Amino acid sequence: MRSIALLIHIIIYTSTLSAADIFLHIQRVKKVSIGFPEFASKDKTESEKAISKELQNVTRDDILFTRLFNLLEEGPSSGEGKIDFTNWEKTGADILLTANLSMKEETPKERSQIKLVASVYEIPAGNPVFQKIYRSSYKNHREIAHQFVADFMYRFTGHRGVSSSKI
């Protein structure tokens, strides 16, 4: 690795073809492992479960797209609102991401309102890193997951990432 860096350094600084300065920064770090249990739904209706699963899939895809984190989906359940931080630590998780969904159903379904409470905790201490409430109509419910990942990325990297960008 040092020989490659030295070669790049020699080529850049001895080249007379370019008058512009070129900076190349390569850094390899260990990926942060995220405990990623199943998103919970308040009333556990079929429509809430389906939306909860969809939002979890969107969140998973957005986080994996960054290639900065490992997701650990197998771990202790957080039944009755209690989180077992010690057992999450045993899975190798550095932080824990949880989300709870509630839905106020209306007719037509597009008028239904969705609320997602997303939380991120340090492991093993269980200290909250941040928690935020996201609200949306059923029609735009996927945007909640994209916005949460953008906020999550900003908190950990200082950049919002591409999860909430539009093509």
Foldseek 3Di string as FASTA:
>chain_A
DVVVVVVVVCCQVVDPPDPDHDDDDDDDDDAAEEEQEQEAEDVPDPVRNVLSNVLSVLLVVQVVVVVRYHYDHDWDDCPPNRDQLVGVVVSVHQKYKYKYKYKAADPPRQAIKIKIWIWMAGPPVRHTLDIDIDMDGPVPSNLRSLQVQLVVCCSPPVGSGCSNPDD
